Amino acid sequence: MAPSRIVVVGSVNADLSARVDALPRPGATVLARSFDVGQGGKGANQAIAAARAGGTVAFVGAVGSDAFAPMLRDALAGAGVDTRELRTERGPSGVAIVTVDSAGENSIVVAAGANSTVTTLTDSDLDLIAAADVLVCQFEIPLPAVTAAARHAARHGTEVIVNPSPVQRLPDDLAAVVDVLVVNEGEERTLREDLGAVPHVVTTLGRSGARARSADGTETRVPAPEVTAVDTTGAGDAFTGAFGVRWAELAGDRDRMQGALEFGCAAGALATTRRGADSAPTRAEIEAM
């Protein structure tokens, strides 16, 4: 089986994460028990997850001209993601400032930085999308770029998977070309009016697995493998990246949705057994699960 060709158009951030006993109240200062700097951003997380799951993956997005940029490029390239279309813009890279307390509750502040400059696509970006099996997008970059990527994909026979997070309504011209919408239960409730326009809606259910509704009325549900979870950060992105790879591989298979859900649920479950956003498992680990 030839590797599936995946293009991810999306965000990449530097995650600055502090673990504390309790989240600070307004005006208070607390001491962190630990501090980490790492790669994040839903687009980059999903691209890395897809590459580790066995896809041939290219990433379209932007980093800044700051000290974080080399780390972000290296994280993607180190996972085997093609970064030739990862542009560099003057100014800061995207940054997420994450504080996590001892109970696992968190507060997050995101500064979009270079991600906010991804408003248009280059001819090279469009060529990559046209040659891919699947395009994967999220909503952490401006919607005009997401819509342009999806419409170009649809014109060239590339299937479109959208994870509408952070959640907002889908423009009509985007909803019209989405093949698979991947949402969690909260996003599903918010986007209820949009769901009927999409052929396949996949809803992740955390430790309960995932379910799907297809346009022909078929419903598919898959349980999550039992694991000892330590951190759910990045689990949804691991699911989406792995799902996209298997969805492409099973094109034409009558059990396509079942197989893609099982593969995605295994990846998402494994991701919860590791701390941090960089938690996506390898193909061998997914297949073993």
C-alpha atoms as a PDB file:
ATOM      1  CA  MET A   1       0.000   0.000   0.000  1.00  0.00           C
ATOM      2  CA  ALA A   2       1.446   3.385  -1.029  1.00  0.00           C
ATOM      3  CA  PRO A   3       1.615   5.975   1.763  1.00  0.00           C
ATOM      4  CA  SER A   4      -1.311   8.392   1.763  1.00  0.00           C
ATOM      5  CA  ARG A   5      -0.475  11.942   0.683  1.00  0.00           C
ATOM      6  CA  ILE A   6      -1.669  14.435   3.289  1.00  0.00           C
ATOM      7  CA  VAL A   7      -1.418  18.230   3.213  1.00  0.00           C
ATOM      8  CA  VAL A   8      -2.115  20.122   6.433  1.00  0.00           C
ATOM      9  CA  VAL A   9      -2.857  23.835   6.211  1.00  0.00           C
ATOM     10  CA  GLY A  10      -2.836  25.273   9.706  1.00  0.00           C
ATOM     11  CA  SER A  11      -1.162  26.690  12.778  1.00  0.00           C
ATOM     12  CA  VAL A  12       2.104  26.080  14.567  1.00  0.00           C
ATOM     13  CA  ASN A  13       2.864  27.485  18.028  1.00  0.00           C
ATOM     14  CA  ALA A  14       5.531  27.463  20.684  1.00  0.00           C
ATOM     15  CA  ASP A  15       3.874  26.058  23.822  1.00  0.00           C
ATOM     16  CA  LEU A  16       5.163  27.581  27.074  1.00  0.00           C
ATOM     17  CA  SER A  17       3.809  25.280  29.780  1.00  0.00           C
ATOM     18  CA  ALA A  18       3.998  25.736  33.557  1.00  0.00           C
ATOM     19  CA  ARG A  19       2.724  23.181  36.098  1.00  0.00           C
ATOM     20  CA  VAL A  20       1.510  24.669  39.366  1.00  0.00           C
ATOM     21  CA  ASP A  21      -0.290  23.476  42.497  1.00  0.00           C
ATOM     22  CA  ALA A  22      -3.186  25.881  41.900  1.00  0.00           C
ATOM     23  CA  LEU A  23      -4.042  28.315  39.107  1.00  0.00           C
ATOM     24  CA  PRO A  24      -3.278  31.913  40.146  1.00  0.00           C
ATOM     25  CA  ARG A  25      -6.160  34.171  41.126  1.00  0.00           C
ATOM     26  CA  PRO A  26      -6.276  37.685  39.655  1.00  0.00           C
ATOM     27  CA  GLY A  27      -3.396  39.697  41.065  1.00  0.00           C
ATOM     28  CA  ALA A  28      -1.645  36.644  42.554  1.00  0.00           C
ATOM     29  CA  THR A  29       1.735  35.112  41.784  1.00  0.00           C
ATOM     30  CA  VAL A  30       2.410  31.385  42.167  1.00  0.00           C
ATOM     31  CA  LEU A  31       5.564  29.318  41.807  1.00  0.00           C
ATOM     32  CA  ALA A  32       5.689  26.651  39.078  1.00  0.00           C
ATOM     33  CA  ARG A  33       6.759  23.099  39.854  1.00  0.00           C
ATOM     34  CA  SER A  34       8.056  22.688  36.296  1.00  0.00           C
ATOM     35  CA  PHE A  35       8.302  24.574  33.024  1.00  0.00           C
ATOM     36  CA  ASP A  36       8.620  23.338  29.446  1.00  0.00           C
ATOM     37  CA  VAL A  37       8.925  24.889  26.000  1.00  0.00           C
ATOM     38  CA  GLY A  38       7.780  22.782  23.083  1.00  0.00           C
ATOM     39  CA  GLN A  39       6.018  22.687  19.743  1.00  0.00           C
ATOM     40  CA  GLY A  40       2.253  23.023  19.583  1.00  0.00           C
ATOM     41  CA  GLY A  41      -0.526  24.411  17.427  1.00  0.00           C
ATOM     42  CA  LYS A  42      -3.340  22.226  16.117  1.00  0.00           C
ATOM     43  CA  GLY A  43      -2.065  22.271  12.545  1.00  0.00           C
ATOM     44  CA  ALA A  44       1.445  21.170  13.444  1.00  0.00           C
ATOM     45  CA  ASN A  45       0.156  18.612  15.956  1.00  0.00           C
ATOM     46  CA  GLN A  46      -2.065  17.016  13.310  1.00  0.00           C
ATOM     47  CA  ALA A  47       0.679  17.060  10.687  1.00  0.00           C
ATOM     48  CA  ILE A  48       3.104  15.300  13.041  1.00  0.00           C
ATOM     49  CA  ALA A  49       0.411  12.807  14.050  1.00  0.00           C
ATOM     50  CA  ALA A  50      -0.289  12.002  10.396  1.00  0.00           C
ATOM     51  CA  ALA A  51       3.407  11.559   9.601  1.00  0.00           C
ATOM     52  CA  ARG A  52       3.950   9.234  12.556  1.00  0.00           C
ATOM     53  CA  ALA A  53       0.839   7.297  11.513  1.00  0.00           C
ATOM     54  CA  GLY A  54       2.428   6.516   8.160  1.00  0.00           C
ATOM     55  CA  GLY A  55       1.352   9.335   5.869  1.00  0.00           C
ATOM     56  CA  THR A  56       3.492  11.363   3.483  1.00  0.00           C
ATOM     57  CA  VAL A  57       2.762  14.789   4.934  1.00  0.00           C
ATOM     58  CA  ALA A  58       3.412  18.386   3.868  1.00  0.00           C
ATOM     59  CA  PHE A  59       2.644  21.400   6.055  1.00  0.00           C
ATOM     60  CA  VAL A  60       1.508  24.853   4.908  1.00  0.00           C
ATOM     61  CA  GLY A  61       1.715  27.594   7.511  1.00  0.00           C
ATOM     62  CA  ALA A  62       3.984  30.271   8.966  1.00  0.00           C
ATOM     63  CA  VAL A  63       6.504  30.884  11.738  1.00  0.00           C
ATOM     64  CA  GLY A  64       7.975  34.189  12.781  1.00  0.00           C
ATOM     65  CA  SER A  65      11.508  35.521  12.695  1.00  0.00           C
ATOM     66  CA  ASP A  66      12.085  34.965  16.419  1.00  0.00           C
ATOM     67  CA  ALA A  67      14.032  32.442  18.504  1.00  0.00           C
ATOM     68  CA  PHE A  68      11.127  29.959  18.525  1.00  0.00           C
ATOM     69  CA  ALA A  69      11.049  29.532  14.746  1.00  0.00           C
ATOM     70  CA  PRO A  70      14.004  27.094  14.390  1.00  0.00           C
ATOM     71  CA  MET A  71      12.574  24.854  17.123  1.00  0.00           C
ATOM     72  CA  LEU A  72       9.181  24.762  15.406  1.00  0.00           C
ATOM     73  CA  ARG A  73      10.695  23.943  12.014  1.00  0.00           C
ATOM     74  CA  ASP A  74      12.871  21.232  13.527  1.00  0.00           C
ATOM     75  CA  ALA A  75       9.922  19.628  15.340  1.00  0.00           C
ATOM     76  CA  LEU A  76       7.981  19.251  12.103  1.00  0.00           C
ATOM     77  CA  ALA A  77      10.942  18.148  10.010  1.00  0.00           C
ATOM     78  CA  GLY A  78      12.106  15.747  12.715  1.00  0.00           C
ATOM     79  CA  ALA A  79       8.771  13.934  12.477  1.00  0.00           C
ATOM     80  CA  GLY A  80       9.194  13.587   8.724  1.00  0.00           C
ATOM     81  CA  VAL A  81       6.887  16.443   7.699  1.00  0.00           C
ATOM     82  CA  ASP A  82       7.768  18.333   4.497  1.00  0.00           C
ATOM     83  CA  THR A  83       8.269  21.981   5.565  1.00  0.00           C
ATOM     84  CA  ARG A  84       9.144  23.555   2.219  1.00  0.00           C
ATOM     85  CA  GLU A  85       5.888  25.553   2.317  1.00  0.00           C
ATOM     86  CA  LEU A  86       6.346  26.648   5.945  1.00  0.00           C
ATOM     87  CA  ARG A  87       6.959  30.353   5.372  1.00  0.00           C
ATOM     88  CA  THR A  88       8.835  32.776   7.633  1.00  0.00           C
ATOM     89  CA  GLU A  89       7.192  36.106   8.429  1.00  0.00           C
ATOM     90  CA  ARG A  90       8.686  39.126  10.175  1.00  0.00           C
ATOM     91  CA  GLY A  91       7.653  39.281  13.812  1.00  0.00           C
ATOM     92  CA  PRO A  92       6.803  36.680  16.457  1.00  0.00           C
ATOM     93  CA  SER A  93       5.799  33.082  15.966  1.00  0.00           C
ATOM     94  CA  GLY A  94       2.521  31.888  17.427  1.00  0.00           C
ATOM     95  CA  VAL A  95       2.729  31.243  21.161  1.00  0.00           C
ATOM     96  CA  ALA A  96       0.469  29.458  23.644  1.00  0.00           C
ATOM     97  CA  ILE A  97       1.014  30.149  27.348  1.00  0.00           C
ATOM     98  CA  VAL A  98      -0.345  27.179  29.280  1.00  0.00           C
ATOM     99  CA  THR A  99      -0.753  26.859  33.049  1.00  0.00           C
ATOM    100  CA  VAL A 100      -1.814  23.466  34.444  1.00  0.00           C
ATOM    101  CA  ASP A 101      -2.740  22.785  38.070  1.00  0.00           C
ATOM    102  CA  SER A 102      -2.372  19.586  40.093  1.00  0.00           C
ATOM    103  CA  ALA A 103      -5.910  18.457  39.173  1.00  0.00           C
ATOM    104  CA  GLY A 104      -5.215  18.821  35.464  1.00  0.00           C
ATOM    105  CA  GLU A 105      -7.265  22.008  35.037  1.00  0.00           C
ATOM    106  CA  ASN A 106      -5.620  24.570  32.804  1.00  0.00           C
ATOM    107  CA  SER A 107      -5.730  28.129  31.572  1.00  0.00           C
ATOM    108  CA  ILE A 108      -4.370  28.986  28.136  1.00  0.00           C
ATOM    109  CA  VAL A 109      -3.546  32.284  26.447  1.00  0.00           C
ATOM    110  CA  VAL A 110      -2.782  32.120  22.707  1.00  0.00           C
ATOM    111  CA  ALA A 111      -1.046  34.841  20.711  1.00  0.00           C
ATOM    112  CA  ALA A 112      -1.534  34.004  17.020  1.00  0.00           C
ATOM    113  CA  GLY A 113       1.659  35.700  15.831  1.00  0.00           C
ATOM    114  CA  ALA A 114       2.702  34.490  12.385  1.00  0.00           C
ATOM    115  CA  ASN A 115      -0.367  32.235  12.137  1.00  0.00           C
ATOM    116  CA  SER A 116      -2.497  35.337  11.580  1.00  0.00           C
ATOM    117  CA  THR A 117      -0.549  36.126   8.385  1.00  0.00           C
ATOM    118  CA  VAL A 118      -1.721  32.957   6.617  1.00  0.00           C
ATOM    119  CA  THR A 119      -4.524  34.690   4.720  1.00  0.00           C
ATOM    120  CA  THR A 120      -3.672  33.604   1.161  1.00  0.00           C
ATOM    121  CA  LEU A 121      -2.033  30.602  -0.503  1.00  0.00           C
ATOM    122  CA  THR A 122       0.854  30.549  -2.957  1.00  0.00           C
ATOM    123  CA  ASP A 123       0.926  28.666  -6.260  1.00  0.00           C
ATOM    124  CA  SER A 124       3.221  26.101  -4.605  1.00  0.00           C
ATOM    125  CA  ASP A 125       0.733  25.642  -1.754  1.00  0.00           C
ATOM    126  CA  LEU A 126      -2.075  25.072  -4.250  1.00  0.00           C
ATOM    127  CA  ASP A 127      -0.006  22.577  -6.262  1.00  0.00           C
ATOM    128  CA  LEU A 128       0.633  20.526  -3.120  1.00  0.00           C
ATOM    129  CA  ILE A 129      -3.058  20.501  -2.254  1.00  0.00           C
ATOM    130  CA  ALA A 130      -4.083  19.472  -5.775  1.00  0.00           C
ATOM    131  CA  ALA A 131      -1.675  16.508  -5.727  1.00  0.00           C
ATOM    132  CA  ALA A 132      -2.710  15.241  -2.270  1.00  0.00           C
ATOM    133  CA  ASP A 133      -5.171  12.521  -1.314  1.00  0.00           C
ATOM    134  CA  VAL A 134      -6.463  14.445   1.705  1.00  0.00           C
ATOM    135  CA  LEU A 135      -6.348  18.049   2.936  1.00  0.00           C
ATOM    136  CA  VAL A 136      -6.612  18.633   6.695  1.00  0.00           C
ATOM    137  CA  CYS A 137      -7.472  22.074   8.127  1.00  0.00           C
ATOM    138  CA  GLN A 138      -8.408  23.643  11.471  1.00  0.00           C
ATOM    139  CA  PHE A 139      -9.537  27.124  12.506  1.00  0.00           C
ATOM    140  CA  GLU A 140      -6.364  28.499  14.146  1.00  0.00           C
ATOM    141  CA  ILE A 141      -5.475  30.420  10.973  1.00  0.00           C
ATOM    142  CA  PRO A 142      -7.720  32.949   9.159  1.00  0.00           C
ATOM    143  CA  LEU A 143     -10.802  31.340   7.610  1.00  0.00           C
ATOM    144  CA  PRO A 144     -10.216  32.816   4.122  1.00  0.00           C
ATOM    145  CA  ALA A 145      -7.104  30.640   3.767  1.00  0.00           C
ATOM    146  CA  VAL A 146      -8.939  27.547   5.049  1.00  0.00           C
ATOM    147  CA  THR A 147     -11.792  28.157   2.619  1.00  0.00           C
ATOM    148  CA  ALA A 148      -9.463  28.788  -0.324  1.00  0.00           C
ATOM    149  CA  ALA A 149      -7.510  25.603   0.435  1.00  0.00           C
ATOM    150  CA  ALA A 150     -10.668  23.506   0.758  1.00  0.00           C
ATOM    151  CA  ARG A 151     -12.263  24.837  -2.427  1.00  0.00           C
ATOM    152  CA  HIS A 152      -9.065  24.241  -4.398  1.00  0.00           C
ATOM    153  CA  ALA A 153      -8.860  20.715  -3.002  1.00  0.00           C
ATOM    154  CA  ALA A 154     -12.446  19.979  -4.026  1.00  0.00           C
ATOM    155  CA  ARG A 155     -11.770  21.175  -7.582  1.00  0.00           C
ATOM    156  CA  HIS A 156      -8.866  18.716  -7.892  1.00  0.00           C
ATOM    157  CA  GLY A 157     -10.355  15.623  -6.271  1.00  0.00           C
ATOM    158  CA  THR A 158      -8.532  15.999  -2.941  1.00  0.00           C
ATOM    159  CA  GLU A 159     -10.796  15.065  -0.032  1.00  0.00           C
ATOM    160  CA  VAL A 160     -11.250  17.698   2.671  1.00  0.00           C
ATOM    161  CA  ILE A 161     -11.170  16.987   6.419  1.00  0.00           C
ATOM    162  CA  VAL A 162     -11.858  19.962   8.685  1.00  0.00           C
ATOM    163  CA  ASN A 163     -11.479  20.124  12.460  1.00  0.00           C
ATOM    164  CA  PRO A 164     -13.343  23.399  13.253  1.00  0.00           C
ATOM    165  CA  SER A 165     -11.404  24.313  16.375  1.00  0.00           C
ATOM    166  CA  PRO A 166     -11.484  26.834  17.983  1.00  0.00           C
ATOM    167  CA  VAL A 167     -15.130  26.451  17.125  1.00  0.00           C
ATOM    168  CA  GLN A 168     -16.973  28.917  14.906  1.00  0.00           C
ATOM    169  CA  ARG A 169     -19.671  28.595  12.272  1.00  0.00           C
ATOM    170  CA  LEU A 170     -18.607  27.298   8.877  1.00  0.00           C
ATOM    171  CA  PRO A 171     -19.018  29.738   5.984  1.00  0.00           C
ATOM    172  CA  ASP A 172     -21.431  28.302   3.417  1.00  0.00           C
ATOM    173  CA  ASP A 173     -18.750  28.083   0.714  1.00  0.00           C
ATOM    174  CA  LEU A 174     -16.540  26.061   3.067  1.00  0.00           C
ATOM    175  CA  ALA A 175     -19.303  23.744   4.310  1.00  0.00           C
ATOM    176  CA  ALA A 176     -20.178  22.977   0.692  1.00  0.00           C
ATOM    177  CA  VAL A 177     -16.790  21.325   0.021  1.00  0.00           C
ATOM    178  CA  VAL A 178     -16.015  19.558   3.324  1.00  0.00           C
ATOM    179  CA  ASP A 179     -16.024  15.760   3.090  1.00  0.00           C
ATOM    180  CA  VAL A 180     -15.449  14.957   6.774  1.00  0.00           C
ATOM    181  CA  LEU A 181     -15.984  17.251   9.751  1.00  0.00           C
ATOM    182  CA  VAL A 182     -14.188  16.121  12.931  1.00  0.00           C
ATOM    183  CA  VAL A 183     -15.652  17.639  16.103  1.00  0.00           C
ATOM    184  CA  ASN A 184     -15.865  16.969  19.816  1.00  0.00           C
ATOM    185  CA  GLU A 185     -19.214  16.895  21.619  1.00  0.00           C
ATOM    186  CA  GLY A 186     -19.141  20.597  22.511  1.00  0.00           C
ATOM    187  CA  GLU A 187     -18.294  21.591  18.945  1.00  0.00           C
ATOM    188  CA  GLU A 188     -21.030  19.295  17.655  1.00  0.00           C
ATOM    189  CA  ARG A 189     -23.620  21.136  19.773  1.00  0.00           C
ATOM    190  CA  THR A 190     -22.374  24.554  18.647  1.00  0.00           C
ATOM    191  CA  LEU A 191     -22.345  23.622  14.959  1.00  0.00           C
ATOM    192  CA  ARG A 192     -25.599  21.647  14.891  1.00  0.00           C
ATOM    193  CA  GLU A 193     -27.037  23.868  12.144  1.00  0.00           C
ATOM    194  CA  ASP A 194     -23.997  23.250   9.922  1.00  0.00           C
ATOM    195  CA  LEU A 195     -23.803  19.476  10.236  1.00  0.00           C
ATOM    196  CA  GLY A 196     -26.458  18.630   7.678  1.00  0.00           C
ATOM    197  CA  ALA A 197     -24.390  20.195   4.897  1.00  0.00           C
ATOM    198  CA  VAL A 198     -21.441  17.834   5.452  1.00  0.00           C
ATOM    199  CA  PRO A 199     -21.363  14.242   4.068  1.00  0.00           C
ATOM    200  CA  HIS A 200     -19.590  12.737   7.102  1.00  0.00           C
ATOM    201  CA  VAL A 201     -19.541  14.053  10.669  1.00  0.00           C
ATOM    202  CA  VAL A 202     -17.129  12.366  13.094  1.00  0.00           C
ATOM    203  CA  THR A 203     -17.583  13.136  16.790  1.00  0.00           C
ATOM    204  CA  THR A 204     -14.830  12.262  19.247  1.00  0.00           C
ATOM    205  CA  LEU A 205     -16.119  11.104  22.630  1.00  0.00           C
ATOM    206  CA  GLY A 206     -12.971  11.010  24.768  1.00  0.00           C
ATOM    207  CA  ARG A 207     -12.662   7.752  26.709  1.00  0.00           C
ATOM    208  CA  SER A 208     -15.906   6.552  25.036  1.00  0.00           C
ATOM    209  CA  GLY A 209     -14.306   6.479  21.579  1.00  0.00           C
ATOM    210  CA  ALA A 210     -15.913   8.098  18.531  1.00  0.00           C
ATOM    211  CA  ARG A 211     -19.031   7.987  16.401  1.00  0.00           C
ATOM    212  CA  ALA A 212     -19.790   8.980  12.825  1.00  0.00           C
ATOM    213  CA  ARG A 213     -22.874   9.947  10.855  1.00  0.00           C
ATOM    214  CA  SER A 214     -22.785   9.703   7.082  1.00  0.00           C
ATOM    215  CA  ALA A 215     -25.059  11.393   4.563  1.00  0.00           C
ATOM    216  CA  ASP A 216     -26.756   8.105   3.647  1.00  0.00           C
ATOM    217  CA  GLY A 217     -27.894   7.733   7.249  1.00  0.00           C
ATOM    218  CA  THR A 218     -25.261   5.182   8.240  1.00  0.00           C
ATOM    219  CA  GLU A 219     -24.055   5.511  11.824  1.00  0.00           C
ATOM    220  CA  THR A 220     -20.789   4.008  13.026  1.00  0.00           C
ATOM    221  CA  ARG A 221     -19.513   3.874  16.596  1.00  0.00           C
ATOM    222  CA  VAL A 222     -16.149   2.654  17.843  1.00  0.00           C
ATOM    223  CA  PRO A 223     -15.071   2.343  21.512  1.00  0.00           C
ATOM    224  CA  ALA A 224     -11.732   3.664  22.698  1.00  0.00           C
ATOM    225  CA  PRO A 225      -9.079   1.149  23.766  1.00  0.00           C
ATOM    226  CA  GLU A 226      -8.617   0.989  27.539  1.00  0.00           C
ATOM    227  CA  VAL A 227      -5.484   2.842  28.662  1.00  0.00           C
ATOM    228  CA  THR A 228      -4.223   4.598  31.774  1.00  0.00           C
ATOM    229  CA  ALA A 229      -4.505   8.258  30.789  1.00  0.00           C
ATOM    230  CA  VAL A 230      -2.107  10.816  32.257  1.00  0.00           C
ATOM    231  CA  ASP A 231      -2.683  13.838  29.978  1.00  0.00           C
ATOM    232  CA  THR A 232      -5.346  14.396  27.316  1.00  0.00           C
ATOM    233  CA  THR A 233      -3.454  17.273  25.682  1.00  0.00           C
ATOM    234  CA  GLY A 234      -3.067  16.601  21.968  1.00  0.00           C
ATOM    235  CA  ALA A 235      -5.249  13.476  21.948  1.00  0.00           C
ATOM    236  CA  GLY A 236      -7.814  15.027  19.605  1.00  0.00           C
ATOM    237  CA  ASP A 237      -5.076  16.095  17.205  1.00  0.00           C
ATOM    238  CA  ALA A 238      -3.542  12.609  17.300  1.00  0.00           C
ATOM    239  CA  PHE A 239      -6.968  11.192  16.422  1.00  0.00           C
ATOM    240  CA  THR A 240      -7.486  13.616  13.527  1.00  0.00           C
ATOM    241  CA  GLY A 241      -4.040  13.095  12.009  1.00  0.00           C
ATOM    242  CA  ALA A 242      -4.249   9.313  12.200  1.00  0.00           C
ATOM    243  CA  PHE A 243      -7.873   9.272  11.007  1.00  0.00           C
ATOM    244  CA  GLY A 244      -6.889  11.294   7.929  1.00  0.00           C
ATOM    245  CA  VAL A 245      -4.132   8.836   7.014  1.00  0.00           C
ATOM    246  CA  ARG A 246      -6.363   5.786   7.312  1.00  0.00           C
ATOM    247  CA  TRP A 247      -9.276   7.531   5.566  1.00  0.00           C
ATOM    248  CA  ALA A 248      -7.029   8.069   2.548  1.00  0.00           C
ATOM    249  CA  GLU A 249      -5.676   4.515   2.642  1.00  0.00           C
ATOM    250  CA  LEU A 250      -9.141   2.947   2.729  1.00  0.00           C
ATOM    251  CA  ALA A 251     -10.645   4.951  -0.152  1.00  0.00           C
ATOM    252  CA  GLY A 252     -13.144   2.684  -1.904  1.00  0.00           C
ATOM    253  CA  ASP A 253     -13.385   0.213   0.984  1.00  0.00           C
ATOM    254  CA  ARG A 254     -16.947  -0.427   2.160  1.00  0.00           C
ATOM    255  CA  ASP A 255     -15.733  -0.474   5.784  1.00  0.00           C
ATOM    256  CA  ARG A 256     -13.762   2.732   5.333  1.00  0.00           C
ATOM    257  CA  MET A 257     -15.327   4.688   8.185  1.00  0.00           C
ATOM    258  CA  GLN A 258     -15.067   1.790  10.630  1.00  0.00           C
ATOM    259  CA  GLY A 259     -11.383   1.285   9.850  1.00  0.00           C
ATOM    260  CA  ALA A 260     -10.527   4.988  10.027  1.00  0.00           C
ATOM    261  CA  LEU A 261     -12.360   5.417  13.344  1.00  0.00           C
ATOM    262  CA  GLU A 262     -10.609   2.411  14.890  1.00  0.00           C
ATOM    263  CA  PHE A 263      -7.210   3.694  13.757  1.00  0.00           C
ATOM    264  CA  GLY A 264      -7.931   7.219  15.016  1.00  0.00           C
ATOM    265  CA  CYS A 265      -9.262   6.003  18.368  1.00  0.00           C
ATOM    266  CA  ALA A 266      -6.156   3.890  18.931  1.00  0.00           C
ATOM    267  CA  ALA A 267      -3.920   6.899  18.195  1.00  0.00           C
ATOM    268  CA  GLY A 268      -5.955   9.202  20.437  1.00  0.00           C
ATOM    269  CA  ALA A 269      -5.948   6.716  23.317  1.00  0.00           C
ATOM    270  CA  LEU A 270      -2.192   6.200  23.093  1.00  0.00           C
ATOM    271  CA  ALA A 271      -1.651   9.973  23.093  1.00  0.00           C
ATOM    272  CA  THR A 272      -3.320  10.244  26.509  1.00  0.00           C
ATOM    273  CA  THR A 273      -0.665   7.984  28.031  1.00  0.00           C
ATOM    274  CA  ARG A 274       2.035  10.657  27.451  1.00  0.00           C
ATOM    275  CA  ARG A 275       2.375  14.164  28.794  1.00  0.00           C
ATOM    276  CA  GLY A 276       2.315  17.246  26.580  1.00  0.00           C
ATOM    277  CA  ALA A 277       1.102  18.068  23.087  1.00  0.00           C
ATOM    278  CA  ASP A 278       3.877  16.067  21.393  1.00  0.00           C
ATOM    279  CA  SER A 279       2.204  12.770  22.223  1.00  0.00           C
ATOM    280  CA  ALA A 280       1.184  11.260  18.879  1.00  0.00           C
ATOM    281  CA  PRO A 281       2.114   7.568  18.511  1.00  0.00           C
ATOM    282  CA  THR A 282       3.885   5.816  15.655  1.00  0.00           C
ATOM    283  CA  ARG A 283       2.258   3.566  13.060  1.00  0.00           C
ATOM    284  CA  ALA A 284       3.657   0.464  14.741  1.00  0.00           C
ATOM    285  CA  GLU A 285       2.231   1.539  18.112  1.00  0.00           C
ATOM    286  CA  ILE A 286      -1.199   2.211  16.621  1.00  0.00           C
ATOM    287  CA  GLU A 287      -1.309  -1.140  14.843  1.00  0.00           C
ATOM    288  CA  ALA A 288      -0.192  -2.946  18.002  1.00  0.00           C
ATOM    289  CA  MET A 289      -2.992  -1.272  19.943  1.00  0.00           C
END
